[in-house]
Amino acid sequence: MKRKRCGRGGDMAETFGDGRWSLKGMTALVTGGTKGIGDWKAKGFGVSGSVCDVSCRAQREKLMETFSSLVNGKLNILIKNPAILIEKPTVEASGAASIVFISSVAGVVAVKNLSVYSVTKGAMNQLTKNLACEWAKDNIRSNAVAPWYVKTAMADQMLNNKTLLEEAINRTPLRRVGDPKEVSSLVAFLRLPASSYITGQTICADGGTNVNGFEPNLI
């Protein structure tokens, strides 16, 4: 299906089947993605796993060597849960690449008892902006996804606390916690060629939590 659009460059044909909505042929490296939102095998992706302490430089280098050998040095997509930098050249070699950091709404607004955690996510959000500017010349995009409470194994212990669950829901305009698919679908979109003009953004998948002001029924 095609539709025409007028612009400064004249008429252009846009084709929905032109590959901009497909990840076919792309390679991805997901750090810290074995559970919860990162359960990629369950989503039908071909996955090769590797145990690595990303806080250790030697193990990070070994990981990159192993990954490069599997994909012939081609890395299109980098999904980063732990905020440890992966060497840029591997991403740069692909010609066009997308980095998606997994942040948190706690790095955007204040969440009680999470000060230290919030600092790390706030720093991640700023890193997202810096890399978007520094690496744009190499056609590398950098964005972050910031979820609120999501029904994952990691969050189960907190969400089983009825008081905390009620507080989270009351603060959320959509009046519920999130589903992992509602986060992973956003991550997937930011990896698609269709999002090729989006970079440097921290996008909240939080049911409206970060924009909730002083609505008396939502505090």
C-alpha atoms as a PDB file:
ATOM      1  CA  MET A   1       0.000   0.000   0.000  1.00  0.00           C
ATOM      2  CA  LYS A   2       1.355   3.388  -0.979  1.00  0.00           C
ATOM      3  CA  ARG A   3       0.427   6.940  -0.233  1.00  0.00           C
ATOM      4  CA  LYS A   4       1.845  10.150  -1.607  1.00  0.00           C
ATOM      5  CA  ARG A   5       3.005  13.110   0.391  1.00  0.00           C
ATOM      6  CA  CYS A   6       3.989  16.579  -0.773  1.00  0.00           C
ATOM      7  CA  GLY A   7       7.054  18.244   0.671  1.00  0.00           C
ATOM      8  CA  ARG A   8       9.889  20.539  -0.265  1.00  0.00           C
ATOM      9  CA  GLY A   9      11.463  17.786  -2.267  1.00  0.00           C
ATOM     10  CA  GLY A  10       8.254  17.218  -4.265  1.00  0.00           C
ATOM     11  CA  ASP A  11       6.013  14.180  -4.274  1.00  0.00           C
ATOM     12  CA  MET A  12       7.369  11.123  -2.503  1.00  0.00           C
ATOM     13  CA  ALA A  13       5.997   7.603  -2.289  1.00  0.00           C
ATOM     14  CA  GLU A  14       5.946   5.961   1.114  1.00  0.00           C
ATOM     15  CA  THR A  15       5.704   2.228   1.237  1.00  0.00           C
ATOM     16  CA  PHE A  16       4.715   0.523   4.470  1.00  0.00           C
ATOM     17  CA  GLY A  17       6.402  -2.666   3.279  1.00  0.00           C
ATOM     18  CA  ASP A  18       9.762  -1.019   2.612  1.00  0.00           C
ATOM     19  CA  GLY A  19      11.501  -2.588   5.609  1.00  0.00           C
ATOM     20  CA  ARG A  20      11.207   0.389   7.951  1.00  0.00           C
ATOM     21  CA  TRP A  21       8.947  -1.695  10.193  1.00  0.00           C
ATOM     22  CA  SER A  22      11.114  -4.801  10.193  1.00  0.00           C
ATOM     23  CA  LEU A  23      14.155  -5.949  12.171  1.00  0.00           C
ATOM     24  CA  LYS A  24      14.941  -8.720   9.713  1.00  0.00           C
ATOM     25  CA  GLY A  25      18.667  -9.261   9.281  1.00  0.00           C
ATOM     26  CA  MET A  26      19.640  -7.070  12.234  1.00  0.00           C
ATOM     27  CA  THR A  27      21.747  -8.163  15.170  1.00  0.00           C
ATOM     28  CA  ALA A  28      21.282  -7.087  18.785  1.00  0.00           C
ATOM     29  CA  LEU A  29      23.200  -7.301  22.038  1.00  0.00           C
ATOM     30  CA  VAL A  30      21.085  -7.213  25.208  1.00  0.00           C
ATOM     31  CA  THR A  31      22.922  -6.812  28.510  1.00  0.00           C
ATOM     32  CA  GLY A  32      21.207  -7.922  31.723  1.00  0.00           C
ATOM     33  CA  GLY A  33      18.230  -9.248  29.784  1.00  0.00           C
ATOM     34  CA  THR A  34      17.681 -12.785  31.032  1.00  0.00           C
ATOM     35  CA  LYS A  35      14.461 -12.227  32.958  1.00  0.00           C
ATOM     36  CA  GLY A  36      11.315 -10.133  33.054  1.00  0.00           C
ATOM     37  CA  ILE A  37      11.122  -7.576  30.260  1.00  0.00           C
ATOM     38  CA  GLY A  38      14.263  -9.061  28.737  1.00  0.00           C
ATOM     39  CA  ASP A  39      12.895 -12.582  28.216  1.00  0.00           C
ATOM     40  CA  TRP A  40      13.698 -12.401  24.501  1.00  0.00           C
ATOM     41  CA  LYS A  41      13.526 -16.120  23.748  1.00  0.00           C
ATOM     42  CA  ALA A  42       9.899 -16.170  24.788  1.00  0.00           C
ATOM     43  CA  LYS A  43       9.261 -13.419  22.239  1.00  0.00           C
ATOM     44  CA  GLY A  44      10.480 -15.594  19.371  1.00  0.00           C
ATOM     45  CA  PHE A  45      13.968 -14.149  18.854  1.00  0.00           C
ATOM     46  CA  GLY A  46      16.995 -16.283  18.025  1.00  0.00           C
ATOM     47  CA  VAL A  47      19.141 -15.978  21.150  1.00  0.00           C
ATOM     48  CA  SER A  48      22.684 -16.948  22.133  1.00  0.00           C
ATOM     49  CA  GLY A  49      23.443 -16.456  25.820  1.00  0.00           C
ATOM     50  CA  SER A  50      26.647 -15.580  27.625  1.00  0.00           C
ATOM     51  CA  VAL A  51      27.424 -15.190  31.329  1.00  0.00           C
ATOM     52  CA  CYS A  52      29.351 -11.994  31.917  1.00  0.00           C
ATOM     53  CA  ASP A  53      30.025  -9.586  34.771  1.00  0.00           C
ATOM     54  CA  VAL A  54      29.668  -6.307  32.882  1.00  0.00           C
ATOM     55  CA  SER A  55      31.335  -4.416  35.738  1.00  0.00           C
ATOM     56  CA  CYS A  56      34.585  -6.257  34.905  1.00  0.00           C
ATOM     57  CA  ARG A  57      36.486  -4.831  31.925  1.00  0.00           C
ATOM     58  CA  ALA A  58      38.151  -8.133  31.041  1.00  0.00           C
ATOM     59  CA  GLN A  59      34.793  -9.932  30.927  1.00  0.00           C
ATOM     60  CA  ARG A  60      33.237  -7.138  28.868  1.00  0.00           C
ATOM     61  CA  GLU A  61      36.058  -7.429  26.357  1.00  0.00           C
ATOM     62  CA  LYS A  62      35.602 -11.214  26.240  1.00  0.00           C
ATOM     63  CA  LEU A  63      31.867 -10.724  25.694  1.00  0.00           C
ATOM     64  CA  MET A  64      32.489  -8.405  22.767  1.00  0.00           C
ATOM     65  CA  GLU A  65      34.984 -10.828  21.226  1.00  0.00           C
ATOM     66  CA  THR A  66      32.474 -13.674  21.508  1.00  0.00           C
ATOM     67  CA  PHE A  67      29.618 -11.580  20.147  1.00  0.00           C
ATOM     68  CA  SER A  68      31.680 -10.224  17.243  1.00  0.00           C
ATOM     69  CA  SER A  69      32.622 -13.741  16.206  1.00  0.00           C
ATOM     70  CA  LEU A  70      28.943 -14.755  16.144  1.00  0.00           C
ATOM     71  CA  VAL A  71      27.761 -11.819  14.002  1.00  0.00           C
ATOM     72  CA  ASN A  72      30.929 -11.090  12.000  1.00  0.00           C
ATOM     73  CA  GLY A  73      31.412  -7.777  13.785  1.00  0.00           C
ATOM     74  CA  LYS A  74      27.965  -6.439  12.882  1.00  0.00           C
ATOM     75  CA  LEU A  75      25.978  -4.867  15.732  1.00  0.00           C
ATOM     76  CA  ASN A  76      22.854  -2.901  14.836  1.00  0.00           C
ATOM     77  CA  ILE A  77      21.104  -2.744  18.190  1.00  0.00           C
ATOM     78  CA  LEU A  78      22.367  -2.391  21.743  1.00  0.00           C
ATOM     79  CA  ILE A  79      19.881  -2.781  24.618  1.00  0.00           C
ATOM     80  CA  LYS A  80      21.530  -1.786  27.868  1.00  0.00           C
ATOM     81  CA  ASN A  81      20.105  -2.740  31.238  1.00  0.00           C
ATOM     82  CA  PRO A  82      23.256  -2.399  33.381  1.00  0.00           C
ATOM     83  CA  ALA A  83      24.695   1.067  32.720  1.00  0.00           C
ATOM     84  CA  ILE A  84      28.171  -0.086  31.690  1.00  0.00           C
ATOM     85  CA  LEU A  85      29.453   1.244  28.397  1.00  0.00           C
ATOM     86  CA  ILE A  86      30.162  -1.152  25.558  1.00  0.00           C
ATOM     87  CA  GLU A  87      32.934  -0.114  23.210  1.00  0.00           C
ATOM     88  CA  LYS A  88      31.666   2.209  20.488  1.00  0.00           C
ATOM     89  CA  PRO A  89      33.623   0.788  17.501  1.00  0.00           C
ATOM     90  CA  THR A  90      31.565  -2.418  17.454  1.00  0.00           C
ATOM     91  CA  VAL A  91      28.373  -0.405  17.098  1.00  0.00           C
ATOM     92  CA  GLU A  92      29.948   2.080  14.728  1.00  0.00           C
ATOM     93  CA  ALA A  93      31.045  -0.662  12.334  1.00  0.00           C
ATOM     94  CA  SER A  94      27.426  -1.429  11.437  1.00  0.00           C
ATOM     95  CA  GLY A  95      26.998   1.859   9.586  1.00  0.00           C
ATOM     96  CA  ALA A  96      23.729   2.618  11.390  1.00  0.00           C
ATOM     97  CA  ALA A  97      22.838   1.550  14.898  1.00  0.00           C
ATOM     98  CA  SER A  98      20.437   2.142  17.769  1.00  0.00           C
ATOM     99  CA  ILE A  99      21.234   2.096  21.474  1.00  0.00           C
ATOM    100  CA  VAL A 100      18.356   1.770  23.934  1.00  0.00           C
ATOM    101  CA  PHE A 101      19.030   2.233  27.636  1.00  0.00           C
ATOM    102  CA  ILE A 102      16.572   0.738  30.129  1.00  0.00           C
ATOM    103  CA  SER A 103      16.085   3.538  32.618  1.00  0.00           C
ATOM    104  CA  SER A 104      13.277   4.180  35.111  1.00  0.00           C
ATOM    105  CA  VAL A 105      10.658   6.811  35.818  1.00  0.00           C
ATOM    106  CA  ALA A 106      12.576   7.191  39.112  1.00  0.00           C
ATOM    107  CA  GLY A 107      15.242   8.981  37.076  1.00  0.00           C
ATOM    108  CA  VAL A 108      12.647  11.520  35.898  1.00  0.00           C
ATOM    109  CA  VAL A 109      10.534  12.242  39.003  1.00  0.00           C
ATOM    110  CA  ALA A 110      11.034  11.718  42.731  1.00  0.00           C
ATOM    111  CA  VAL A 111      10.135   8.286  44.089  1.00  0.00           C
ATOM    112  CA  LYS A 112      10.430   7.832  47.847  1.00  0.00           C
ATOM    113  CA  ASN A 113      13.185   5.645  49.310  1.00  0.00           C
ATOM    114  CA  LEU A 114      14.929   5.336  45.927  1.00  0.00           C
ATOM    115  CA  SER A 115      17.374   8.242  46.056  1.00  0.00           C
ATOM    116  CA  VAL A 116      20.535   6.328  45.134  1.00  0.00           C
ATOM    117  CA  TYR A 117      18.760   4.282  42.470  1.00  0.00           C
ATOM    118  CA  SER A 118      17.242   7.473  41.053  1.00  0.00           C
ATOM    119  CA  VAL A 119      20.686   9.072  40.786  1.00  0.00           C
ATOM    120  CA  THR A 120      21.962   6.203  38.636  1.00  0.00           C
ATOM    121  CA  LYS A 121      18.936   6.351  36.326  1.00  0.00           C
ATOM    122  CA  GLY A 122      19.132  10.146  36.093  1.00  0.00           C
ATOM    123  CA  ALA A 123      22.757   9.811  35.047  1.00  0.00           C
ATOM    124  CA  MET A 124      21.725   7.222  32.450  1.00  0.00           C
ATOM    125  CA  ASN A 125      19.168   9.639  31.018  1.00  0.00           C
ATOM    126  CA  GLN A 126      21.833  12.335  30.672  1.00  0.00           C
ATOM    127  CA  LEU A 127      24.243   9.843  29.090  1.00  0.00           C
ATOM    128  CA  THR A 128      21.508   9.052  26.568  1.00  0.00           C
ATOM    129  CA  LYS A 129      21.453  12.721  25.520  1.00  0.00           C
ATOM    130  CA  ASN A 130      25.228  13.077  25.393  1.00  0.00           C
ATOM    131  CA  LEU A 131      25.755   9.989  23.252  1.00  0.00           C
ATOM    132  CA  ALA A 132      22.950  11.062  20.911  1.00  0.00           C
ATOM    133  CA  CYS A 133      24.926  14.235  20.170  1.00  0.00           C
ATOM    134  CA  GLU A 134      28.430  12.760  20.207  1.00  0.00           C
ATOM    135  CA  TRP A 135      27.673   9.737  18.039  1.00  0.00           C
ATOM    136  CA  ALA A 136      25.113  11.207  15.645  1.00  0.00           C
ATOM    137  CA  LYS A 137      27.868  11.824  13.087  1.00  0.00           C
ATOM    138  CA  ASP A 138      28.348   8.046  12.941  1.00  0.00           C
ATOM    139  CA  ASN A 139      24.606   7.456  12.414  1.00  0.00           C
ATOM    140  CA  ILE A 140      24.233   5.975  15.887  1.00  0.00           C
ATOM    141  CA  ARG A 141      21.041   6.822  17.744  1.00  0.00           C
ATOM    142  CA  SER A 142      20.707   6.768  21.528  1.00  0.00           C
ATOM    143  CA  ASN A 143      17.427   6.679  23.466  1.00  0.00           C
ATOM    144  CA  ALA A 144      16.174   5.507  26.846  1.00  0.00           C
ATOM    145  CA  VAL A 145      12.963   3.825  27.971  1.00  0.00           C
ATOM    146  CA  ALA A 146      11.825   4.650  31.509  1.00  0.00           C
ATOM    147  CA  PRO A 147       9.226   2.223  32.923  1.00  0.00           C
ATOM    148  CA  TRP A 148       7.192   2.579  36.120  1.00  0.00           C
ATOM    149  CA  TYR A 149       6.153  -0.505  38.104  1.00  0.00           C
ATOM    150  CA  VAL A 150       5.885  -3.448  35.695  1.00  0.00           C
ATOM    151  CA  LYS A 151       4.685  -6.984  36.420  1.00  0.00           C
ATOM    152  CA  THR A 152       7.982  -8.861  36.289  1.00  0.00           C
ATOM    153  CA  ALA A 153       9.607 -11.441  38.555  1.00  0.00           C
ATOM    154  CA  MET A 154      11.918  -8.736  39.907  1.00  0.00           C
ATOM    155  CA  ALA A 155       9.000  -6.506  40.884  1.00  0.00           C
ATOM    156  CA  ASP A 156       6.853  -9.284  42.371  1.00  0.00           C
ATOM    157  CA  GLN A 157       8.219  -8.869  45.889  1.00  0.00           C
ATOM    158  CA  MET A 158       7.338  -5.168  45.916  1.00  0.00           C
ATOM    159  CA  LEU A 159       3.985  -5.540  44.177  1.00  0.00           C
ATOM    160  CA  ASN A 160       2.961  -8.276  46.641  1.00  0.00           C
ATOM    161  CA  ASN A 161       3.052  -5.549  49.272  1.00  0.00           C
ATOM    162  CA  LYS A 162      -0.567  -4.381  49.130  1.00  0.00           C
ATOM    163  CA  THR A 163       0.224  -0.972  50.620  1.00  0.00           C
ATOM    164  CA  LEU A 164       2.958  -0.265  48.082  1.00  0.00           C
ATOM    165  CA  LEU A 165       0.823  -1.585  45.217  1.00  0.00           C
ATOM    166  CA  GLU A 166      -2.048   0.681  46.211  1.00  0.00           C
ATOM    167  CA  GLU A 167       0.283   3.689  46.409  1.00  0.00           C
ATOM    168  CA  ALA A 168       1.708   2.912  42.951  1.00  0.00           C
ATOM    169  CA  ILE A 169      -1.733   2.541  41.393  1.00  0.00           C
ATOM    170  CA  ASN A 170      -3.030   5.710  43.065  1.00  0.00           C
ATOM    171  CA  ARG A 171      -0.133   7.680  41.597  1.00  0.00           C
ATOM    172  CA  THR A 172      -0.740   6.298  38.104  1.00  0.00           C
ATOM    173  CA  PRO A 173      -3.412   8.024  35.965  1.00  0.00           C
ATOM    174  CA  LEU A 174      -4.152   4.754  34.133  1.00  0.00           C
ATOM    175  CA  ARG A 175      -4.761   3.173  37.545  1.00  0.00           C
ATOM    176  CA  ARG A 176      -2.707   0.025  37.075  1.00  0.00           C
ATOM    177  CA  VAL A 177       0.869  -1.239  36.864  1.00  0.00           C
ATOM    178  CA  GLY A 178       2.410  -2.016  33.501  1.00  0.00           C
ATOM    179  CA  ASP A 179       2.752  -5.215  31.517  1.00  0.00           C
ATOM    180  CA  PRO A 180       6.187  -6.246  30.192  1.00  0.00           C
ATOM    181  CA  LYS A 181       4.860  -6.189  26.610  1.00  0.00           C
ATOM    182  CA  GLU A 182       3.986  -2.514  27.020  1.00  0.00           C
ATOM    183  CA  VAL A 183       7.647  -1.778  27.633  1.00  0.00           C
ATOM    184  CA  SER A 184       9.234  -4.233  25.204  1.00  0.00           C
ATOM    185  CA  SER A 185       7.070  -2.946  22.350  1.00  0.00           C
ATOM    186  CA  LEU A 186       8.444   0.556  22.899  1.00  0.00           C
ATOM    187  CA  VAL A 187      11.993  -0.784  23.001  1.00  0.00           C
ATOM    188  CA  ALA A 188      11.316  -2.656  19.746  1.00  0.00           C
ATOM    189  CA  PHE A 189       9.972   0.501  18.070  1.00  0.00           C
ATOM    190  CA  LEU A 190      13.101   2.476  18.982  1.00  0.00           C
ATOM    191  CA  ARG A 191      15.176  -0.210  17.256  1.00  0.00           C
ATOM    192  CA  LEU A 192      13.174  -0.052  14.012  1.00  0.00           C
ATOM    193  CA  PRO A 193      14.262   1.986  11.008  1.00  0.00           C
ATOM    194  CA  ALA A 194      10.834   3.656  11.324  1.00  0.00           C
ATOM    195  CA  SER A 195      12.188   5.516  14.383  1.00  0.00           C
ATOM    196  CA  SER A 196      15.291   6.727  12.552  1.00  0.00           C
ATOM    197  CA  TYR A 197      14.703  10.422  13.398  1.00  0.00           C
ATOM    198  CA  ILE A 198      14.293   9.845  17.131  1.00  0.00           C
ATOM    199  CA  THR A 199      17.422  10.224  19.255  1.00  0.00           C
ATOM    200  CA  GLY A 200      18.428  11.649  22.623  1.00  0.00           C
ATOM    201  CA  GLN A 201      15.018  10.968  24.164  1.00  0.00           C
ATOM    202  CA  THR A 202      13.977   9.416  27.467  1.00  0.00           C
ATOM    203  CA  ILE A 203      10.484   8.043  26.877  1.00  0.00           C
ATOM    204  CA  CYS A 204       8.427   7.066  29.910  1.00  0.00           C
ATOM    205  CA  ALA A 205       6.255   3.944  29.768  1.00  0.00           C
ATOM    206  CA  ASP A 206       4.539   4.707  33.039  1.00  0.00           C
ATOM    207  CA  GLY A 207       0.788   5.062  32.613  1.00  0.00           C
ATOM    208  CA  GLY A 208       1.144   8.836  32.949  1.00  0.00           C
ATOM    209  CA  THR A 209       2.896   8.799  36.320  1.00  0.00           C
ATOM    210  CA  ASN A 210       5.589  11.340  35.427  1.00  0.00           C
ATOM    211  CA  VAL A 211       3.042  13.950  34.328  1.00  0.00           C
ATOM    212  CA  ASN A 212       0.680  13.524  37.297  1.00  0.00           C
ATOM    213  CA  GLY A 213       0.467  16.770  39.228  1.00  0.00           C
ATOM    214  CA  PHE A 214      -1.924  17.521  42.077  1.00  0.00           C
ATOM    215  CA  GLU A 215      -5.034  15.642  40.969  1.00  0.00           C
ATOM    216  CA  PRO A 216      -6.554  14.829  44.414  1.00  0.00           C
ATOM    217  CA  ASN A 217      -7.759  11.375  43.378  1.00  0.00           C
ATOM    218  CA  LEU A 218      -4.294  10.387  42.164  1.00  0.00           C
ATOM    219  CA  ILE A 219      -2.033  11.007  45.136  1.00  0.00           C
END
